[in-house]
N, C-alpha and C. Protein backbone atom coordinates (compact mmCIF):
# COMPACT_ATOMS: atom_id res chain seq x y z
N MET A 1 -21.00 63.68 1.46
CA MET A 1 -20.58 63.86 0.10
C MET A 1 -19.91 65.24 -0.02
N LEU A 2 -18.76 65.25 -0.63
CA LEU A 2 -18.06 66.50 -0.88
C LEU A 2 -18.82 67.27 -1.96
N THR A 3 -19.14 68.53 -1.65
CA THR A 3 -19.95 69.34 -2.56
C THR A 3 -19.27 70.67 -2.82
N PHE A 4 -19.29 71.08 -4.08
CA PHE A 4 -18.76 72.38 -4.49
C PHE A 4 -19.92 73.24 -4.96
N THR A 5 -20.03 74.43 -4.42
CA THR A 5 -21.05 75.38 -4.84
C THR A 5 -20.33 76.56 -5.49
N LEU A 6 -20.68 76.83 -6.74
CA LEU A 6 -19.99 77.85 -7.53
C LEU A 6 -20.91 79.06 -7.72
N SER A 7 -20.33 80.23 -7.73
CA SER A 7 -21.07 81.44 -8.05
C SER A 7 -20.08 82.50 -8.52
N GLY A 8 -20.61 83.65 -8.92
CA GLY A 8 -19.75 84.73 -9.36
C GLY A 8 -20.55 85.88 -9.90
N LEU A 9 -19.84 86.95 -10.23
CA LEU A 9 -20.50 88.15 -10.75
C LEU A 9 -21.22 87.89 -12.06
N SER A 10 -20.73 86.97 -12.86
CA SER A 10 -21.38 86.71 -14.14
C SER A 10 -22.82 86.26 -13.93
N LYS A 11 -23.10 85.56 -12.86
CA LYS A 11 -24.45 85.07 -12.61
C LYS A 11 -25.26 86.00 -11.72
N ILE A 12 -24.72 86.45 -10.61
CA ILE A 12 -25.54 87.20 -9.66
C ILE A 12 -25.68 88.68 -10.00
N ALA A 13 -24.81 89.18 -10.88
CA ALA A 13 -24.89 90.59 -11.24
C ALA A 13 -24.94 90.79 -12.76
N ALA A 14 -25.13 89.70 -13.50
CA ALA A 14 -25.23 89.77 -14.97
C ALA A 14 -24.02 90.47 -15.57
N LEU A 15 -22.84 90.09 -15.12
CA LEU A 15 -21.61 90.71 -15.60
C LEU A 15 -20.61 89.62 -16.05
N PRO A 16 -20.89 88.97 -17.19
CA PRO A 16 -20.02 87.87 -17.61
C PRO A 16 -18.59 88.28 -17.92
N GLN A 17 -18.36 89.55 -18.23
CA GLN A 17 -17.00 89.97 -18.54
C GLN A 17 -16.16 90.18 -17.27
N MET A 18 -16.80 90.33 -16.14
CA MET A 18 -16.09 90.52 -14.88
C MET A 18 -15.77 89.16 -14.29
N LYS A 19 -14.56 88.76 -14.43
CA LYS A 19 -14.15 87.41 -14.03
C LYS A 19 -13.87 87.34 -12.54
N VAL A 20 -14.95 87.38 -11.76
CA VAL A 20 -14.86 87.22 -10.31
C VAL A 20 -15.80 86.08 -9.95
N ALA A 21 -15.27 85.05 -9.33
CA ALA A 21 -16.08 83.90 -8.96
C ALA A 21 -15.58 83.33 -7.65
N TRP A 22 -16.39 82.48 -7.07
CA TRP A 22 -16.01 81.86 -5.80
C TRP A 22 -16.59 80.46 -5.72
N ILE A 23 -15.97 79.68 -4.84
CA ILE A 23 -16.36 78.29 -4.62
C ILE A 23 -16.50 78.08 -3.13
N ALA A 24 -17.61 77.50 -2.72
CA ALA A 24 -17.79 77.08 -1.33
C ALA A 24 -17.74 75.56 -1.31
N THR A 25 -17.05 75.01 -0.35
CA THR A 25 -16.96 73.56 -0.24
C THR A 25 -17.61 73.12 1.07
N THR A 26 -18.33 72.02 1.00
CA THR A 26 -18.94 71.43 2.19
C THR A 26 -18.80 69.92 2.10
N GLY A 27 -18.90 69.28 3.24
CA GLY A 27 -18.84 67.83 3.28
C GLY A 27 -17.50 67.34 3.77
N PRO A 28 -17.31 66.02 3.73
CA PRO A 28 -16.06 65.44 4.21
C PRO A 28 -14.86 65.92 3.40
N GLN A 29 -13.81 66.21 4.08
CA GLN A 29 -12.55 66.67 3.50
C GLN A 29 -12.69 67.99 2.74
N ALA A 30 -13.65 68.82 3.14
CA ALA A 30 -13.86 70.10 2.48
C ALA A 30 -12.64 71.00 2.61
N GLU A 31 -12.02 71.01 3.79
CA GLU A 31 -10.84 71.87 3.99
C GLU A 31 -9.69 71.46 3.08
N ALA A 32 -9.45 70.16 2.96
CA ALA A 32 -8.37 69.68 2.10
C ALA A 32 -8.66 70.03 0.63
N ALA A 33 -9.91 69.86 0.21
CA ALA A 33 -10.29 70.19 -1.17
C ALA A 33 -10.12 71.69 -1.42
N LEU A 34 -10.53 72.49 -0.46
CA LEU A 34 -10.42 73.93 -0.61
C LEU A 34 -8.96 74.37 -0.70
N ALA A 35 -8.11 73.73 0.09
CA ALA A 35 -6.67 74.06 0.04
C ALA A 35 -6.09 73.75 -1.34
N ARG A 36 -6.49 72.64 -1.93
CA ARG A 36 -6.00 72.29 -3.26
C ARG A 36 -6.55 73.24 -4.32
N LEU A 37 -7.82 73.58 -4.18
CA LEU A 37 -8.41 74.54 -5.11
C LEU A 37 -7.73 75.90 -5.02
N GLU A 38 -7.34 76.28 -3.81
CA GLU A 38 -6.67 77.57 -3.61
C GLU A 38 -5.34 77.62 -4.37
N VAL A 39 -4.61 76.52 -4.36
CA VAL A 39 -3.34 76.46 -5.09
C VAL A 39 -3.61 76.63 -6.59
N ILE A 40 -4.61 75.92 -7.10
CA ILE A 40 -4.94 76.02 -8.52
C ILE A 40 -5.37 77.45 -8.86
N ALA A 41 -6.25 78.02 -8.05
CA ALA A 41 -6.75 79.37 -8.31
C ALA A 41 -5.62 80.39 -8.26
N ASP A 42 -4.75 80.29 -7.26
CA ASP A 42 -3.65 81.24 -7.15
C ASP A 42 -2.65 81.10 -8.30
N THR A 43 -2.50 79.88 -8.80
CA THR A 43 -1.53 79.63 -9.86
C THR A 43 -2.06 80.04 -11.23
N PHE A 44 -3.33 79.73 -11.49
CA PHE A 44 -3.84 79.88 -12.84
C PHE A 44 -4.97 80.91 -13.00
N LEU A 45 -5.58 81.37 -11.93
CA LEU A 45 -6.77 82.21 -12.03
C LEU A 45 -6.63 83.49 -11.21
N SER A 46 -5.61 84.23 -11.48
CA SER A 46 -5.39 85.45 -10.70
C SER A 46 -6.45 86.50 -11.03
N LEU A 47 -6.81 87.26 -10.04
CA LEU A 47 -7.80 88.31 -10.17
C LEU A 47 -7.10 89.62 -10.50
N ASN A 48 -7.53 90.30 -11.58
CA ASN A 48 -6.86 91.54 -11.94
C ASN A 48 -7.28 92.67 -10.99
N ALA A 49 -6.42 93.63 -10.83
CA ALA A 49 -6.62 94.70 -9.85
C ALA A 49 -7.87 95.54 -10.11
N PRO A 50 -8.17 95.98 -11.34
CA PRO A 50 -9.38 96.79 -11.53
C PRO A 50 -10.67 96.07 -11.10
N VAL A 51 -10.78 94.81 -11.46
CA VAL A 51 -11.96 94.05 -11.06
C VAL A 51 -11.99 93.87 -9.55
N GLN A 52 -10.83 93.61 -8.97
CA GLN A 52 -10.75 93.43 -7.52
C GLN A 52 -11.24 94.69 -6.80
N TRP A 53 -10.83 95.86 -7.25
CA TRP A 53 -11.25 97.11 -6.63
C TRP A 53 -12.73 97.39 -6.88
N ALA A 54 -13.24 96.99 -8.03
CA ALA A 54 -14.64 97.26 -8.37
C ALA A 54 -15.63 96.29 -7.74
N THR A 55 -15.17 95.15 -7.29
CA THR A 55 -16.06 94.11 -6.79
C THR A 55 -17.03 94.58 -5.70
N PRO A 56 -16.60 95.30 -4.67
CA PRO A 56 -17.58 95.73 -3.66
C PRO A 56 -18.72 96.57 -4.24
N ALA A 57 -18.41 97.49 -5.14
CA ALA A 57 -19.46 98.32 -5.75
C ALA A 57 -20.37 97.48 -6.64
N LEU A 58 -19.80 96.55 -7.39
CA LEU A 58 -20.60 95.70 -8.27
C LEU A 58 -21.52 94.79 -7.46
N LEU A 59 -21.02 94.26 -6.37
CA LEU A 59 -21.87 93.44 -5.50
C LEU A 59 -22.98 94.28 -4.89
N GLY A 60 -22.69 95.53 -4.57
CA GLY A 60 -23.70 96.41 -4.01
C GLY A 60 -24.82 96.73 -4.98
N GLN A 61 -24.55 96.66 -6.27
CA GLN A 61 -25.55 96.99 -7.29
C GLN A 61 -26.34 95.77 -7.76
N ARG A 62 -26.00 94.61 -7.27
CA ARG A 62 -26.58 93.39 -7.82
C ARG A 62 -28.09 93.30 -7.65
N ALA A 63 -28.64 93.80 -6.55
CA ALA A 63 -30.09 93.68 -6.33
C ALA A 63 -30.87 94.40 -7.43
N SER A 64 -30.45 95.59 -7.78
CA SER A 64 -31.11 96.34 -8.84
C SER A 64 -30.97 95.61 -10.17
N LEU A 65 -29.78 95.12 -10.46
CA LEU A 65 -29.55 94.40 -11.71
C LEU A 65 -30.37 93.12 -11.76
N GLN A 66 -30.45 92.41 -10.65
CA GLN A 66 -31.21 91.16 -10.61
C GLN A 66 -32.69 91.41 -10.88
N GLN A 67 -33.25 92.48 -10.32
CA GLN A 67 -34.66 92.81 -10.55
C GLN A 67 -34.91 93.11 -12.02
N GLN A 68 -34.03 93.90 -12.63
CA GLN A 68 -34.18 94.23 -14.04
C GLN A 68 -34.07 92.98 -14.92
N LEU A 69 -33.10 92.15 -14.60
CA LEU A 69 -32.89 90.93 -15.37
C LEU A 69 -34.06 89.97 -15.22
N GLN A 70 -34.55 89.80 -14.01
CA GLN A 70 -35.68 88.90 -13.78
C GLN A 70 -36.92 89.38 -14.54
N ALA A 71 -37.17 90.68 -14.53
CA ALA A 71 -38.33 91.22 -15.26
C ALA A 71 -38.20 90.95 -16.75
N ARG A 72 -37.00 91.14 -17.30
CA ARG A 72 -36.79 90.89 -18.73
C ARG A 72 -36.96 89.42 -19.07
N VAL A 73 -36.38 88.55 -18.26
CA VAL A 73 -36.49 87.11 -18.51
C VAL A 73 -37.95 86.67 -18.48
N LEU A 74 -38.71 87.12 -17.49
CA LEU A 74 -40.12 86.73 -17.39
C LEU A 74 -40.94 87.28 -18.55
N GLU A 75 -40.69 88.51 -18.95
CA GLU A 75 -41.42 89.09 -20.09
C GLU A 75 -41.12 88.32 -21.37
N ASN A 76 -39.85 87.99 -21.60
CA ASN A 76 -39.49 87.24 -22.81
C ASN A 76 -40.08 85.83 -22.77
N LEU A 77 -40.11 85.22 -21.62
CA LEU A 77 -40.69 83.89 -21.50
C LEU A 77 -42.19 83.94 -21.80
N HIS A 78 -42.88 84.96 -21.30
CA HIS A 78 -44.31 85.11 -21.59
C HIS A 78 -44.55 85.35 -23.08
N ASP A 79 -43.72 86.20 -23.70
CA ASP A 79 -43.85 86.44 -25.13
C ASP A 79 -43.61 85.16 -25.93
N LEU A 80 -42.59 84.41 -25.55
CA LEU A 80 -42.31 83.14 -26.23
C LEU A 80 -43.51 82.21 -26.13
N ASP A 81 -44.08 82.08 -24.95
CA ASP A 81 -45.23 81.20 -24.77
C ASP A 81 -46.43 81.67 -25.59
N ARG A 82 -46.67 82.99 -25.65
CA ARG A 82 -47.79 83.52 -26.44
C ARG A 82 -47.59 83.20 -27.92
N LEU A 83 -46.37 83.38 -28.40
CA LEU A 83 -46.10 83.12 -29.82
C LEU A 83 -46.15 81.63 -30.14
N LEU A 84 -45.65 80.80 -29.25
CA LEU A 84 -45.68 79.36 -29.48
C LEU A 84 -47.11 78.81 -29.42
N ALA A 85 -47.98 79.44 -28.65
CA ALA A 85 -49.35 78.97 -28.52
C ALA A 85 -50.14 79.09 -29.82
N ARG A 86 -49.64 79.91 -30.75
CA ARG A 86 -50.33 80.14 -32.03
C ARG A 86 -50.04 79.05 -33.06
N GLN A 87 -49.19 78.10 -32.72
CA GLN A 87 -48.80 77.07 -33.68
C GLN A 87 -48.62 75.74 -32.95
N THR A 88 -48.36 74.67 -33.69
CA THR A 88 -48.23 73.35 -33.07
C THR A 88 -46.91 72.65 -33.38
N THR A 89 -46.04 73.29 -34.14
CA THR A 89 -44.82 72.64 -34.59
C THR A 89 -43.70 72.72 -33.56
N TYR A 90 -43.58 73.85 -32.89
CA TYR A 90 -42.52 74.07 -31.91
C TYR A 90 -43.12 74.05 -30.51
N ARG A 91 -42.34 73.59 -29.54
CA ARG A 91 -42.80 73.66 -28.15
C ARG A 91 -41.62 73.96 -27.24
N ARG A 92 -41.94 74.65 -26.15
CA ARG A 92 -40.91 75.02 -25.18
C ARG A 92 -40.82 73.96 -24.10
N LEU A 93 -39.59 73.60 -23.75
CA LEU A 93 -39.39 72.72 -22.61
C LEU A 93 -39.54 73.54 -21.33
N GLU A 94 -39.83 72.86 -20.25
CA GLU A 94 -39.99 73.55 -18.97
C GLU A 94 -38.68 74.22 -18.56
N VAL A 95 -38.79 75.44 -18.09
CA VAL A 95 -37.63 76.18 -17.62
C VAL A 95 -37.40 75.82 -16.16
N GLU A 96 -36.19 75.39 -15.85
CA GLU A 96 -35.88 75.00 -14.48
C GLU A 96 -35.02 76.04 -13.77
N GLY A 97 -34.52 77.01 -14.50
CA GLY A 97 -33.68 78.05 -13.92
C GLY A 97 -32.83 78.67 -15.00
N GLY A 98 -32.11 79.70 -14.63
CA GLY A 98 -31.23 80.36 -15.58
C GLY A 98 -31.98 81.31 -16.48
N TRP A 99 -31.32 81.70 -17.57
CA TRP A 99 -31.92 82.67 -18.48
C TRP A 99 -31.93 82.18 -19.91
N TYR A 100 -32.21 80.91 -20.07
CA TYR A 100 -32.36 80.32 -21.39
C TYR A 100 -33.70 79.61 -21.49
N ALA A 101 -34.26 79.58 -22.69
CA ALA A 101 -35.43 78.76 -22.98
C ALA A 101 -35.01 77.77 -24.06
N ILE A 102 -35.46 76.55 -23.91
CA ILE A 102 -35.14 75.50 -24.88
C ILE A 102 -36.40 75.21 -25.67
N VAL A 103 -36.28 75.28 -26.98
CA VAL A 103 -37.42 75.06 -27.85
C VAL A 103 -37.17 73.78 -28.65
N ARG A 104 -38.15 72.89 -28.60
CA ARG A 104 -38.10 71.64 -29.36
C ARG A 104 -38.59 71.97 -30.76
N VAL A 105 -37.80 71.61 -31.76
CA VAL A 105 -38.12 71.91 -33.15
C VAL A 105 -38.10 70.62 -33.97
N PRO A 106 -38.81 70.59 -35.09
CA PRO A 106 -38.75 69.41 -35.96
C PRO A 106 -37.32 69.20 -36.47
N VAL A 107 -36.93 67.97 -36.60
CA VAL A 107 -35.58 67.66 -37.08
C VAL A 107 -35.62 67.54 -38.60
N THR A 108 -35.17 68.61 -39.24
CA THR A 108 -35.07 68.62 -40.70
C THR A 108 -33.62 68.72 -41.14
N GLN A 109 -32.75 69.05 -40.17
CA GLN A 109 -31.32 69.16 -40.39
C GLN A 109 -30.68 69.17 -39.01
N SER A 110 -29.39 69.21 -38.95
CA SER A 110 -28.74 69.26 -37.64
C SER A 110 -29.08 70.59 -36.97
N ASP A 111 -29.04 70.60 -35.64
CA ASP A 111 -29.28 71.85 -34.91
C ASP A 111 -28.29 72.92 -35.31
N GLU A 112 -27.06 72.52 -35.54
CA GLU A 112 -26.04 73.49 -35.93
C GLU A 112 -26.36 74.10 -37.30
N ASP A 113 -26.75 73.26 -38.25
CA ASP A 113 -27.12 73.77 -39.57
C ASP A 113 -28.33 74.68 -39.47
N LEU A 114 -29.30 74.32 -38.63
CA LEU A 114 -30.48 75.16 -38.45
C LEU A 114 -30.10 76.50 -37.83
N ALA A 115 -29.24 76.48 -36.81
CA ALA A 115 -28.81 77.73 -36.18
C ALA A 115 -28.07 78.63 -37.17
N ILE A 116 -27.24 78.04 -38.00
CA ILE A 116 -26.51 78.81 -39.02
C ILE A 116 -27.48 79.37 -40.06
N ALA A 117 -28.46 78.57 -40.47
CA ALA A 117 -29.45 79.04 -41.44
C ALA A 117 -30.28 80.18 -40.87
N LEU A 118 -30.67 80.08 -39.60
CA LEU A 118 -31.44 81.17 -38.98
C LEU A 118 -30.61 82.45 -38.92
N LEU A 119 -29.33 82.32 -38.65
CA LEU A 119 -28.46 83.49 -38.61
C LEU A 119 -28.31 84.11 -39.99
N ARG A 120 -28.02 83.27 -40.99
CA ARG A 120 -27.79 83.77 -42.34
C ARG A 120 -29.05 84.30 -43.01
N GLU A 121 -30.15 83.57 -42.85
CA GLU A 121 -31.35 83.88 -43.61
C GLU A 121 -32.31 84.82 -42.88
N LYS A 122 -32.30 84.78 -41.54
CA LYS A 122 -33.27 85.58 -40.80
C LYS A 122 -32.63 86.52 -39.78
N SER A 123 -31.30 86.54 -39.74
CA SER A 123 -30.56 87.39 -38.79
C SER A 123 -30.97 87.15 -37.35
N VAL A 124 -31.16 85.87 -37.01
CA VAL A 124 -31.54 85.48 -35.65
C VAL A 124 -30.44 84.56 -35.10
N LEU A 125 -29.94 84.92 -33.94
CA LEU A 125 -28.87 84.13 -33.31
C LEU A 125 -29.46 83.26 -32.20
N VAL A 126 -29.31 81.96 -32.35
CA VAL A 126 -29.71 80.98 -31.34
C VAL A 126 -28.55 80.00 -31.15
N HIS A 127 -28.62 79.23 -30.09
CA HIS A 127 -27.61 78.20 -29.87
C HIS A 127 -28.17 76.85 -30.27
N PRO A 128 -27.39 76.02 -30.96
CA PRO A 128 -27.85 74.66 -31.25
C PRO A 128 -27.84 73.84 -29.95
N GLY A 129 -28.73 72.89 -29.87
CA GLY A 129 -28.87 72.09 -28.66
C GLY A 129 -27.61 71.37 -28.23
N HIS A 130 -26.77 70.98 -29.16
CA HIS A 130 -25.57 70.23 -28.78
C HIS A 130 -24.61 71.08 -27.95
N PHE A 131 -24.72 72.42 -28.02
CA PHE A 131 -23.91 73.28 -27.13
C PHE A 131 -24.25 73.00 -25.67
N PHE A 132 -25.46 72.50 -25.42
CA PHE A 132 -25.93 72.25 -24.07
C PHE A 132 -26.08 70.75 -23.80
N ASP A 133 -25.37 69.95 -24.58
CA ASP A 133 -25.29 68.50 -24.40
C ASP A 133 -26.58 67.74 -24.65
N PHE A 134 -27.46 68.26 -25.51
CA PHE A 134 -28.60 67.45 -25.91
C PHE A 134 -28.07 66.31 -26.77
N PRO A 135 -28.54 65.11 -26.55
CA PRO A 135 -27.95 63.95 -27.23
C PRO A 135 -28.34 63.80 -28.69
N ARG A 136 -29.35 64.54 -29.13
CA ARG A 136 -29.79 64.43 -30.54
C ARG A 136 -30.27 65.80 -31.02
N ASP A 137 -30.53 65.90 -32.29
CA ASP A 137 -30.99 67.15 -32.88
C ASP A 137 -32.45 67.40 -32.54
N GLY A 138 -32.87 68.64 -32.77
CA GLY A 138 -34.26 69.01 -32.53
C GLY A 138 -34.43 70.00 -31.39
N TYR A 139 -33.33 70.67 -30.99
CA TYR A 139 -33.40 71.62 -29.89
C TYR A 139 -32.67 72.91 -30.25
N LEU A 140 -33.32 74.04 -29.97
CA LEU A 140 -32.68 75.34 -30.08
C LEU A 140 -32.73 75.98 -28.70
N VAL A 141 -31.69 76.71 -28.36
CA VAL A 141 -31.60 77.37 -27.06
C VAL A 141 -31.62 78.88 -27.30
N LEU A 142 -32.58 79.54 -26.68
CA LEU A 142 -32.78 80.98 -26.85
C LEU A 142 -32.41 81.71 -25.57
N SER A 143 -31.71 82.81 -25.69
CA SER A 143 -31.35 83.62 -24.53
C SER A 143 -32.51 84.51 -24.14
N LEU A 144 -32.95 84.41 -22.90
CA LEU A 144 -34.06 85.20 -22.39
C LEU A 144 -33.61 86.58 -21.90
N ILE A 145 -32.31 86.87 -21.97
CA ILE A 145 -31.85 88.19 -21.52
C ILE A 145 -31.72 89.17 -22.69
N THR A 146 -32.11 88.74 -23.85
CA THR A 146 -32.15 89.63 -25.02
C THR A 146 -33.17 90.74 -24.76
N PRO A 147 -32.90 91.97 -25.17
CA PRO A 147 -33.91 93.03 -25.01
C PRO A 147 -35.26 92.57 -25.57
N GLU A 148 -36.33 92.92 -24.89
CA GLU A 148 -37.66 92.36 -25.15
C GLU A 148 -38.12 92.45 -26.60
N GLU A 149 -38.01 93.63 -27.21
CA GLU A 149 -38.49 93.79 -28.58
C GLU A 149 -37.66 92.95 -29.56
N GLU A 150 -36.35 92.90 -29.34
CA GLU A 150 -35.49 92.08 -30.21
C GLU A 150 -35.82 90.60 -30.05
N PHE A 151 -36.07 90.19 -28.82
CA PHE A 151 -36.41 88.78 -28.56
C PHE A 151 -37.70 88.41 -29.29
N LYS A 152 -38.73 89.22 -29.10
CA LYS A 152 -40.02 88.94 -29.72
C LYS A 152 -39.90 88.89 -31.26
N GLU A 153 -39.17 89.85 -31.83
CA GLU A 153 -38.96 89.86 -33.28
C GLU A 153 -38.21 88.62 -33.73
N GLY A 154 -37.20 88.22 -32.97
CA GLY A 154 -36.45 87.02 -33.32
C GLY A 154 -37.29 85.77 -33.30
N VAL A 155 -38.12 85.63 -32.29
CA VAL A 155 -39.00 84.45 -32.21
C VAL A 155 -39.98 84.45 -33.38
N GLN A 156 -40.53 85.62 -33.70
CA GLN A 156 -41.44 85.70 -34.83
C GLN A 156 -40.76 85.28 -36.13
N ARG A 157 -39.51 85.68 -36.30
CA ARG A 157 -38.75 85.28 -37.51
C ARG A 157 -38.51 83.77 -37.53
N ILE A 158 -38.22 83.18 -36.37
CA ILE A 158 -38.00 81.73 -36.31
C ILE A 158 -39.26 81.00 -36.70
N LEU A 159 -40.40 81.46 -36.22
CA LEU A 159 -41.67 80.77 -36.45
C LEU A 159 -42.22 81.02 -37.85
N ALA A 160 -41.74 82.07 -38.53
CA ALA A 160 -42.29 82.40 -39.87
C ALA A 160 -41.85 81.39 -40.91
């Protein structure tokens, strides 16, 4: 099976503004697929010079950044679980990877309307579940890379 593996600075070094990414191909006809991807990348996805020059240094710093990010994600996940344990209305879905937590919420309105209401009324920014292709309402997506105190305060406001 032809397989594409994607990565980049946005994920491994927590630098979403640095548009440096790569694709590894494996499987049958991997060379042909890679050649076609190279044409597309060269035509439409050129790498700017400042980022190109900075890439070696940014890659060199990734281990430190990854440790800091992992510590923050784990702390926020623990805080979320502690706060959710105090009530029975909301529950967290199992985290399989990444830096988001998905919270199942009662369906009283669309996820989008709920996200807008939380922003307007409680100054809390969350993503509605449909941004992540949930087929129905009742899901909010929380970023676990938010600074710890802000994350905890935001969750408390959601639950209040």
